[in-house]
Amino acid sequence: MENIVLDKSVAFATNAVKFCRKLQEEKKEYNITDQLIRCATSIGANLSEACYAQSPADFISKVKIAEKEANESAYWIKILHNIGYMPDKTYYKFYDETSQIKRLLSAIIVCKKKNLASA
């Protein structure tokens, strides 16, 4: 079964890890890149957990955590861009990806809450 937001999360995390590994090799920048790797990979991990949630509340909690991790990823991306370690083209690509993921996650949370309220 296709899961668009999980697929986008995996693609984003993969690209973020590749970019960070290259930056670590070229610039020896580890602190910020390690932070970005952690939160970028955590998005999909929490969504994967949400797929096997024990309850609707657990599902919402996991998706909210994924949303927070996407927001944190956007923060680290902005820092890397601001200090000159991420070119504009890469920054806008990553920023767009995190924005899309955050919108999808927000919509999932709203929809699930509405479904719970009407049940």
C-alpha atoms as a PDB file:
ATOM      1  CA  MET A   1       0.000   0.000   0.000  1.00  0.00           C
ATOM      2  CA  GLU A   2       1.328   3.442  -0.952  1.00  0.00           C
ATOM      3  CA  ASN A   3       1.973   5.920   1.838  1.00  0.00           C
ATOM      4  CA  ILE A   4       2.828   9.273   0.246  1.00  0.00           C
ATOM      5  CA  VAL A   5       3.968  11.035   3.398  1.00  0.00           C
ATOM      6  CA  LEU A   6       6.141   8.105   4.476  1.00  0.00           C
ATOM      7  CA  ASP A   7       7.638   7.876   0.977  1.00  0.00           C
ATOM      8  CA  LYS A   8       8.388  11.625   1.028  1.00  0.00           C
ATOM      9  CA  SER A   9       9.906  11.271   4.496  1.00  0.00           C
ATOM     10  CA  VAL A  10      12.191   8.444   3.419  1.00  0.00           C
ATOM     11  CA  ALA A  11      13.303  10.381   0.329  1.00  0.00           C
ATOM     12  CA  PHE A  12      13.925  13.512   2.418  1.00  0.00           C
ATOM     13  CA  ALA A  13      15.903  11.600   5.055  1.00  0.00           C
ATOM     14  CA  THR A  14      17.973   9.828   2.410  1.00  0.00           C
ATOM     15  CA  ASN A  15      18.840  13.120   0.700  1.00  0.00           C
ATOM     16  CA  ALA A  16      19.589  14.811   4.021  1.00  0.00           C
ATOM     17  CA  VAL A  17      21.922  12.007   5.130  1.00  0.00           C
ATOM     18  CA  LYS A  18      23.763  12.064   1.793  1.00  0.00           C
ATOM     19  CA  PHE A  19      24.137  15.849   1.928  1.00  0.00           C
ATOM     20  CA  CYS A  20      25.306  15.793   5.557  1.00  0.00           C
ATOM     21  CA  ARG A  21      27.823  12.995   4.979  1.00  0.00           C
ATOM     22  CA  LYS A  22      29.307  14.993   2.096  1.00  0.00           C
ATOM     23  CA  LEU A  23      29.441  18.123   4.247  1.00  0.00           C
ATOM     24  CA  GLN A  24      31.092  16.203   7.066  1.00  0.00           C
ATOM     25  CA  GLU A  25      33.725  14.929   4.668  1.00  0.00           C
ATOM     26  CA  GLU A  26      34.360  18.262   2.935  1.00  0.00           C
ATOM     27  CA  LYS A  27      33.914  20.800   5.760  1.00  0.00           C
ATOM     28  CA  LYS A  28      34.393  18.610   8.845  1.00  0.00           C
ATOM     29  CA  GLU A  29      31.062  19.960  10.150  1.00  0.00           C
ATOM     30  CA  TYR A  30      29.613  17.415  12.550  1.00  0.00           C
ATOM     31  CA  ASN A  31      27.474  19.156  15.182  1.00  0.00           C
ATOM     32  CA  ILE A  32      24.787  20.632  12.958  1.00  0.00           C
ATOM     33  CA  THR A  33      24.874  17.816  10.419  1.00  0.00           C
ATOM     34  CA  ASP A  34      24.430  15.216  13.164  1.00  0.00           C
ATOM     35  CA  GLN A  35      21.412  17.150  14.448  1.00  0.00           C
ATOM     36  CA  LEU A  36      19.901  17.296  10.945  1.00  0.00           C
ATOM     37  CA  ILE A  37      20.495  13.589  10.366  1.00  0.00           C
ATOM     38  CA  ARG A  38      18.786  12.720  13.670  1.00  0.00           C
ATOM     39  CA  CYS A  39      15.651  14.765  13.097  1.00  0.00           C
ATOM     40  CA  ALA A  40      15.402  14.063   9.340  1.00  0.00           C
ATOM     41  CA  THR A  41      15.493  10.302   9.900  1.00  0.00           C
ATOM     42  CA  SER A  42      13.163  10.546  12.890  1.00  0.00           C
ATOM     43  CA  ILE A  43      10.276  11.799  10.741  1.00  0.00           C
ATOM     44  CA  GLY A  44       9.858   8.511   8.888  1.00  0.00           C
ATOM     45  CA  ALA A  45      10.673   6.449  11.970  1.00  0.00           C
ATOM     46  CA  ASN A  46       7.784   8.026  13.874  1.00  0.00           C
ATOM     47  CA  LEU A  47       5.461   7.642  10.900  1.00  0.00           C
ATOM     48  CA  SER A  48       6.389   3.968  10.692  1.00  0.00           C
ATOM     49  CA  GLU A  49       5.526   3.614  14.369  1.00  0.00           C
ATOM     50  CA  ALA A  50       2.238   5.456  13.799  1.00  0.00           C
ATOM     51  CA  CYS A  51       1.237   2.797  11.275  1.00  0.00           C
ATOM     52  CA  TYR A  52       1.221   0.325  14.166  1.00  0.00           C
ATOM     53  CA  ALA A  53      -0.176   2.614  16.833  1.00  0.00           C
ATOM     54  CA  GLN A  54      -2.005   1.017  19.743  1.00  0.00           C
ATOM     55  CA  SER A  55      -4.792   3.585  19.704  1.00  0.00           C
ATOM     56  CA  PRO A  56      -5.960   6.685  17.830  1.00  0.00           C
ATOM     57  CA  ALA A  57      -4.335   8.844  20.532  1.00  0.00           C
ATOM     58  CA  ASP A  58      -1.048   6.970  20.084  1.00  0.00           C
ATOM     59  CA  PHE A  59      -1.318   7.473  16.304  1.00  0.00           C
ATOM     60  CA  ILE A  60      -1.854  11.216  16.701  1.00  0.00           C
ATOM     61  CA  SER A  61       1.029  11.438  19.159  1.00  0.00           C
ATOM     62  CA  LYS A  62       3.449   9.717  16.773  1.00  0.00           C
ATOM     63  CA  VAL A  63       2.382  11.902  13.835  1.00  0.00           C
ATOM     64  CA  LYS A  64       2.774  15.029  15.986  1.00  0.00           C
ATOM     65  CA  ILE A  65       6.299  13.946  16.888  1.00  0.00           C
ATOM     66  CA  ALA A  66       7.052  13.445  13.182  1.00  0.00           C
ATOM     67  CA  GLU A  67       5.684  16.941  12.524  1.00  0.00           C
ATOM     68  CA  LYS A  68       7.950  18.402  15.228  1.00  0.00           C
ATOM     69  CA  GLU A  69      10.954  16.588  13.738  1.00  0.00           C
ATOM     70  CA  ALA A  70      10.145  18.015  10.294  1.00  0.00           C
ATOM     71  CA  ASN A  71      10.007  21.469  11.834  1.00  0.00           C
ATOM     72  CA  GLU A  72      13.356  20.916  13.551  1.00  0.00           C
ATOM     73  CA  SER A  73      14.832  19.704  10.254  1.00  0.00           C
ATOM     74  CA  ALA A  74      13.769  22.972   8.634  1.00  0.00           C
ATOM     75  CA  TYR A  75      15.554  24.838  11.431  1.00  0.00           C
ATOM     76  CA  TRP A  76      18.883  23.017  10.915  1.00  0.00           C
ATOM     77  CA  ILE A  77      18.591  23.423   7.157  1.00  0.00           C
ATOM     78  CA  LYS A  78      18.173  27.163   7.627  1.00  0.00           C
ATOM     79  CA  ILE A  79      21.232  27.304   9.899  1.00  0.00           C
ATOM     80  CA  LEU A  80      23.362  25.404   7.364  1.00  0.00           C
ATOM     81  CA  HIS A  81      22.193  27.779   4.647  1.00  0.00           C
ATOM     82  CA  ASN A  82      22.787  30.895   6.760  1.00  0.00           C
ATOM     83  CA  ILE A  83      26.372  29.928   7.597  1.00  0.00           C
ATOM     84  CA  GLY A  84      27.126  29.259   3.933  1.00  0.00           C
ATOM     85  CA  TYR A  85      27.309  25.464   4.075  1.00  0.00           C
ATOM     86  CA  MET A  86      24.192  24.891   1.978  1.00  0.00           C
ATOM     87  CA  PRO A  87      23.819  26.497  -1.444  1.00  0.00           C
ATOM     88  CA  ASP A  88      20.582  28.300  -2.303  1.00  0.00           C
ATOM     89  CA  LYS A  89      19.366  25.609  -4.711  1.00  0.00           C
ATOM     90  CA  THR A  90      19.824  22.852  -2.127  1.00  0.00           C
ATOM     91  CA  TYR A  91      18.301  24.981   0.620  1.00  0.00           C
ATOM     92  CA  TYR A  92      15.134  25.696  -1.384  1.00  0.00           C
ATOM     93  CA  LYS A  93      14.820  22.034  -2.347  1.00  0.00           C
ATOM     94  CA  PHE A  94      15.136  20.850   1.266  1.00  0.00           C
ATOM     95  CA  TYR A  95      12.944  23.651   2.580  1.00  0.00           C
ATOM     96  CA  ASP A  96      10.223  22.754   0.057  1.00  0.00           C
ATOM     97  CA  GLU A  97      10.435  19.093   1.033  1.00  0.00           C
ATOM     98  CA  THR A  98      10.068  19.849   4.746  1.00  0.00           C
ATOM     99  CA  SER A  99       7.188  22.248   4.037  1.00  0.00           C
ATOM    100  CA  GLN A 100       5.347  19.591   2.036  1.00  0.00           C
ATOM    101  CA  ILE A 101       5.882  16.990   4.736  1.00  0.00           C
ATOM    102  CA  LYS A 102       4.714  19.362   7.489  1.00  0.00           C
ATOM    103  CA  ARG A 103       1.546  20.231   5.533  1.00  0.00           C
ATOM    104  CA  LEU A 104       0.750  16.556   4.976  1.00  0.00           C
ATOM    105  CA  LEU A 105       1.344  15.697   8.626  1.00  0.00           C
ATOM    106  CA  SER A 106      -0.779  18.597   9.797  1.00  0.00           C
ATOM    107  CA  ALA A 107      -3.610  17.490   7.512  1.00  0.00           C
ATOM    108  CA  ILE A 108      -3.365  13.920   8.838  1.00  0.00           C
ATOM    109  CA  ILE A 109      -3.608  15.146  12.428  1.00  0.00           C
ATOM    110  CA  VAL A 110      -6.606  17.389  11.692  1.00  0.00           C
ATOM    111  CA  CYS A 111      -8.391  14.613   9.789  1.00  0.00           C
ATOM    112  CA  LYS A 112      -7.782  12.010  12.501  1.00  0.00           C
ATOM    113  CA  LYS A 113      -9.021  14.397  15.215  1.00  0.00           C
ATOM    114  CA  LYS A 114     -12.180  15.138  13.189  1.00  0.00           C
ATOM    115  CA  ASN A 115     -12.786  11.421  12.707  1.00  0.00           C
ATOM    116  CA  LEU A 116     -12.409  10.840  16.448  1.00  0.00           C
ATOM    117  CA  ALA A 117     -14.763  13.696  17.289  1.00  0.00           C
ATOM    118  CA  SER A 118     -17.480  12.380  14.966  1.00  0.00           C
ATOM    119  CA  ALA A 119     -17.190   8.778  16.120  1.00  0.00           C
END
